Amino acid sequence: MAHIIESFLGKDCVLNLASGGTADGIVKSVSEGWVTLEDQDGKLQAVNMDYISRIREYPKNKNGKRKMVVE
């Protein structure tokens, strides 16, 4: 799975988690089973790859701004 997530490096993404929650931000690194994300405020968070059920690039509107994510 790490090689798939590495294709999202540097992109603004939404990660759906097995617990039903989400994590979003720019994918900064993928290593040792963890994905590091940076949010809009510059804060970092790490997500264990075992709990990621879906990853996708954050949808943008025609002006290039984030659209609301509807599941």
N, C-alpha and C. Protein backbone atom coordinates (compact mmCIF):
# COMPACT_ATOMS: atom_id res chain seq x y z
N MET A 1 0.82 -1.19 0.00
CA MET A 1 0.00 0.00 0.00
C MET A 1 0.87 1.26 0.00
N ALA A 2 2.07 1.19 0.57
CA ALA A 2 2.92 2.37 0.67
C ALA A 2 3.24 2.96 -0.69
N HIS A 3 3.48 2.11 -1.70
CA HIS A 3 3.81 2.64 -3.02
C HIS A 3 2.63 3.36 -3.67
N ILE A 4 1.42 2.97 -3.33
CA ILE A 4 0.22 3.66 -3.84
C ILE A 4 0.11 5.04 -3.18
N ILE A 5 0.28 5.10 -1.88
CA ILE A 5 0.18 6.36 -1.16
C ILE A 5 1.30 7.31 -1.56
N GLU A 6 2.49 6.77 -1.88
CA GLU A 6 3.60 7.61 -2.31
C GLU A 6 3.27 8.39 -3.58
N SER A 7 2.35 7.89 -4.40
CA SER A 7 1.97 8.62 -5.61
C SER A 7 1.19 9.90 -5.28
N PHE A 8 0.76 10.04 -4.03
CA PHE A 8 0.03 11.22 -3.58
C PHE A 8 0.93 12.23 -2.86
N LEU A 9 2.24 12.00 -2.79
CA LEU A 9 3.15 12.91 -2.10
C LEU A 9 3.04 14.32 -2.67
N GLY A 10 2.89 15.29 -1.77
CA GLY A 10 2.79 16.69 -2.16
C GLY A 10 1.41 17.14 -2.59
N LYS A 11 0.43 16.24 -2.58
CA LYS A 11 -0.93 16.57 -3.00
C LYS A 11 -1.83 16.72 -1.77
N ASP A 12 -2.85 17.57 -1.91
CA ASP A 12 -3.85 17.78 -0.87
C ASP A 12 -4.85 16.62 -0.96
N CYS A 13 -4.93 15.79 0.08
CA CYS A 13 -5.72 14.56 0.02
C CYS A 13 -6.66 14.41 1.20
N VAL A 14 -7.64 13.54 1.00
CA VAL A 14 -8.57 13.13 2.05
C VAL A 14 -8.37 11.64 2.26
N LEU A 15 -8.16 11.24 3.50
CA LEU A 15 -8.00 9.83 3.84
C LEU A 15 -9.21 9.39 4.64
N ASN A 16 -9.91 8.38 4.16
CA ASN A 16 -11.00 7.79 4.92
C ASN A 16 -10.39 6.70 5.80
N LEU A 17 -10.77 6.69 7.06
CA LEU A 17 -10.20 5.76 8.02
C LEU A 17 -11.19 4.65 8.36
N ALA A 18 -10.67 3.53 8.80
CA ALA A 18 -11.49 2.36 9.14
C ALA A 18 -12.48 2.68 10.25
N SER A 19 -12.16 3.64 11.11
CA SER A 19 -13.04 3.99 12.22
C SER A 19 -14.24 4.82 11.77
N GLY A 20 -14.27 5.20 10.49
CA GLY A 20 -15.37 6.01 9.98
C GLY A 20 -15.03 7.48 9.91
N GLY A 21 -13.90 7.89 10.43
CA GLY A 21 -13.48 9.28 10.39
C GLY A 21 -12.65 9.58 9.15
N THR A 22 -12.19 10.81 9.06
CA THR A 22 -11.34 11.20 7.95
C THR A 22 -10.14 11.99 8.47
N ALA A 23 -9.13 12.05 7.65
CA ALA A 23 -7.97 12.90 7.90
C ALA A 23 -7.67 13.57 6.58
N ASP A 24 -7.29 14.85 6.61
CA ASP A 24 -6.98 15.51 5.36
C ASP A 24 -5.78 16.43 5.52
N GLY A 25 -5.17 16.73 4.39
CA GLY A 25 -4.00 17.59 4.37
C GLY A 25 -3.07 17.19 3.23
N ILE A 26 -1.96 17.87 3.17
CA ILE A 26 -0.96 17.59 2.13
C ILE A 26 -0.09 16.43 2.62
N VAL A 27 0.03 15.41 1.78
CA VAL A 27 0.83 14.24 2.14
C VAL A 27 2.31 14.65 2.08
N LYS A 28 2.97 14.59 3.24
CA LYS A 28 4.37 15.00 3.34
C LYS A 28 5.34 13.83 3.26
N SER A 29 5.00 12.71 3.88
CA SER A 29 5.91 11.56 3.83
C SER A 29 5.15 10.27 4.08
N VAL A 30 5.76 9.19 3.61
CA VAL A 30 5.23 7.84 3.82
C VAL A 30 6.41 6.99 4.24
N SER A 31 6.38 6.49 5.49
CA SER A 31 7.49 5.65 5.95
C SER A 31 7.08 4.79 7.13
N GLU A 32 7.62 3.59 7.16
CA GLU A 32 7.44 2.66 8.26
C GLU A 32 5.99 2.48 8.70
N GLY A 33 5.08 2.44 7.73
CA GLY A 33 3.68 2.20 8.05
C GLY A 33 2.90 3.44 8.46
N TRP A 34 3.50 4.62 8.33
CA TRP A 34 2.83 5.86 8.73
C TRP A 34 2.79 6.85 7.57
N VAL A 35 1.72 7.64 7.50
CA VAL A 35 1.58 8.72 6.53
C VAL A 35 1.54 10.02 7.33
N THR A 36 2.39 10.97 6.95
CA THR A 36 2.41 12.27 7.62
C THR A 36 1.68 13.28 6.74
N LEU A 37 0.72 13.99 7.36
CA LEU A 37 -0.07 15.00 6.67
C LEU A 37 0.16 16.36 7.31
N GLU A 38 0.14 17.41 6.49
CA GLU A 38 0.23 18.77 6.99
C GLU A 38 -1.08 19.48 6.66
N ASP A 39 -1.75 20.04 7.70
CA ASP A 39 -3.02 20.72 7.47
C ASP A 39 -2.79 22.16 7.01
N GLN A 40 -3.88 22.88 6.82
CA GLN A 40 -3.80 24.25 6.30
C GLN A 40 -3.11 25.20 7.26
N ASP A 41 -3.08 24.87 8.54
CA ASP A 41 -2.41 25.70 9.55
C ASP A 41 -0.94 25.34 9.72
N GLY A 42 -0.46 24.37 8.96
CA GLY A 42 0.93 23.95 9.07
C GLY A 42 1.19 22.91 10.14
N LYS A 43 0.14 22.42 10.77
CA LYS A 43 0.29 21.40 11.81
C LYS A 43 0.39 20.02 11.17
N LEU A 44 1.23 19.18 11.75
CA LEU A 44 1.44 17.83 11.22
C LEU A 44 0.62 16.81 12.00
N GLN A 45 0.21 15.77 11.28
CA GLN A 45 -0.43 14.64 11.93
C GLN A 45 0.03 13.37 11.22
N ALA A 46 0.11 12.29 11.97
CA ALA A 46 0.53 11.01 11.42
C ALA A 46 -0.63 10.03 11.50
N VAL A 47 -0.82 9.27 10.44
CA VAL A 47 -1.90 8.30 10.37
C VAL A 47 -1.28 6.94 10.05
N ASN A 48 -1.66 5.92 10.80
CA ASN A 48 -1.16 4.58 10.56
C ASN A 48 -1.82 4.02 9.30
N MET A 49 -1.01 3.50 8.38
CA MET A 49 -1.53 3.00 7.10
C MET A 49 -2.50 1.83 7.26
N ASP A 50 -2.39 1.09 8.36
CA ASP A 50 -3.30 -0.04 8.59
C ASP A 50 -4.75 0.41 8.72
N TYR A 51 -4.98 1.67 9.06
CA TYR A 51 -6.33 2.17 9.28
C TYR A 51 -6.89 2.98 8.12
N ILE A 52 -6.14 3.10 7.04
CA ILE A 52 -6.61 3.85 5.87
C ILE A 52 -7.40 2.91 4.97
N SER A 53 -8.66 3.28 4.69
CA SER A 53 -9.47 2.46 3.80
C SER A 53 -9.60 3.09 2.41
N ARG A 54 -9.34 4.39 2.31
CA ARG A 54 -9.45 5.08 1.01
C ARG A 54 -8.62 6.35 1.05
N ILE A 55 -7.98 6.68 -0.07
CA ILE A 55 -7.27 7.94 -0.19
C ILE A 55 -7.62 8.53 -1.55
N ARG A 56 -7.84 9.83 -1.55
CA ARG A 56 -8.11 10.51 -2.83
C ARG A 56 -7.69 11.96 -2.73
N GLU A 57 -7.42 12.55 -3.89
CA GLU A 57 -7.05 13.95 -3.91
C GLU A 57 -8.27 14.79 -3.55
N TYR A 58 -8.04 15.84 -2.75
CA TYR A 58 -9.15 16.69 -2.31
C TYR A 58 -9.78 17.36 -3.52
N PRO A 59 -11.11 17.28 -3.68
CA PRO A 59 -11.75 17.91 -4.84
C PRO A 59 -11.65 19.43 -4.78
N LYS A 60 -11.48 20.04 -5.94
CA LYS A 60 -11.36 21.50 -6.05
C LYS A 60 -12.51 22.04 -6.89
N ASN A 61 -12.91 23.29 -6.61
CA ASN A 61 -13.92 23.92 -7.45
C ASN A 61 -13.23 24.60 -8.64
N LYS A 62 -13.98 25.30 -9.46
CA LYS A 62 -13.41 25.90 -10.67
C LYS A 62 -12.38 26.99 -10.35
N ASN A 63 -12.40 27.54 -9.13
CA ASN A 63 -11.43 28.56 -8.73
C ASN A 63 -10.20 27.96 -8.06
N GLY A 64 -10.14 26.64 -7.97
CA GLY A 64 -9.01 25.96 -7.37
C GLY A 64 -9.07 25.86 -5.85
N LYS A 65 -10.21 26.21 -5.27
CA LYS A 65 -10.36 26.10 -3.81
C LYS A 65 -11.02 24.78 -3.47
N ARG A 66 -10.83 24.36 -2.22
CA ARG A 66 -11.41 23.10 -1.76
C ARG A 66 -12.94 23.11 -1.83
N LYS A 67 -13.51 22.02 -2.35
CA LYS A 67 -14.94 21.82 -2.31
C LYS A 67 -15.28 21.00 -1.09
N MET A 68 -16.53 21.04 -0.66
CA MET A 68 -16.96 20.22 0.46
C MET A 68 -16.95 18.76 0.02
N VAL A 69 -16.46 17.89 0.87
CA VAL A 69 -16.42 16.45 0.57
C VAL A 69 -17.71 15.84 1.07
N VAL A 70 -18.43 15.20 0.15
CA VAL A 70 -19.68 14.51 0.48
C VAL A 70 -19.47 13.03 0.19
N GLU A 71 -19.68 12.22 1.19
CA GLU A 71 -19.50 10.77 1.03
C GLU A 71 -20.77 10.12 0.63
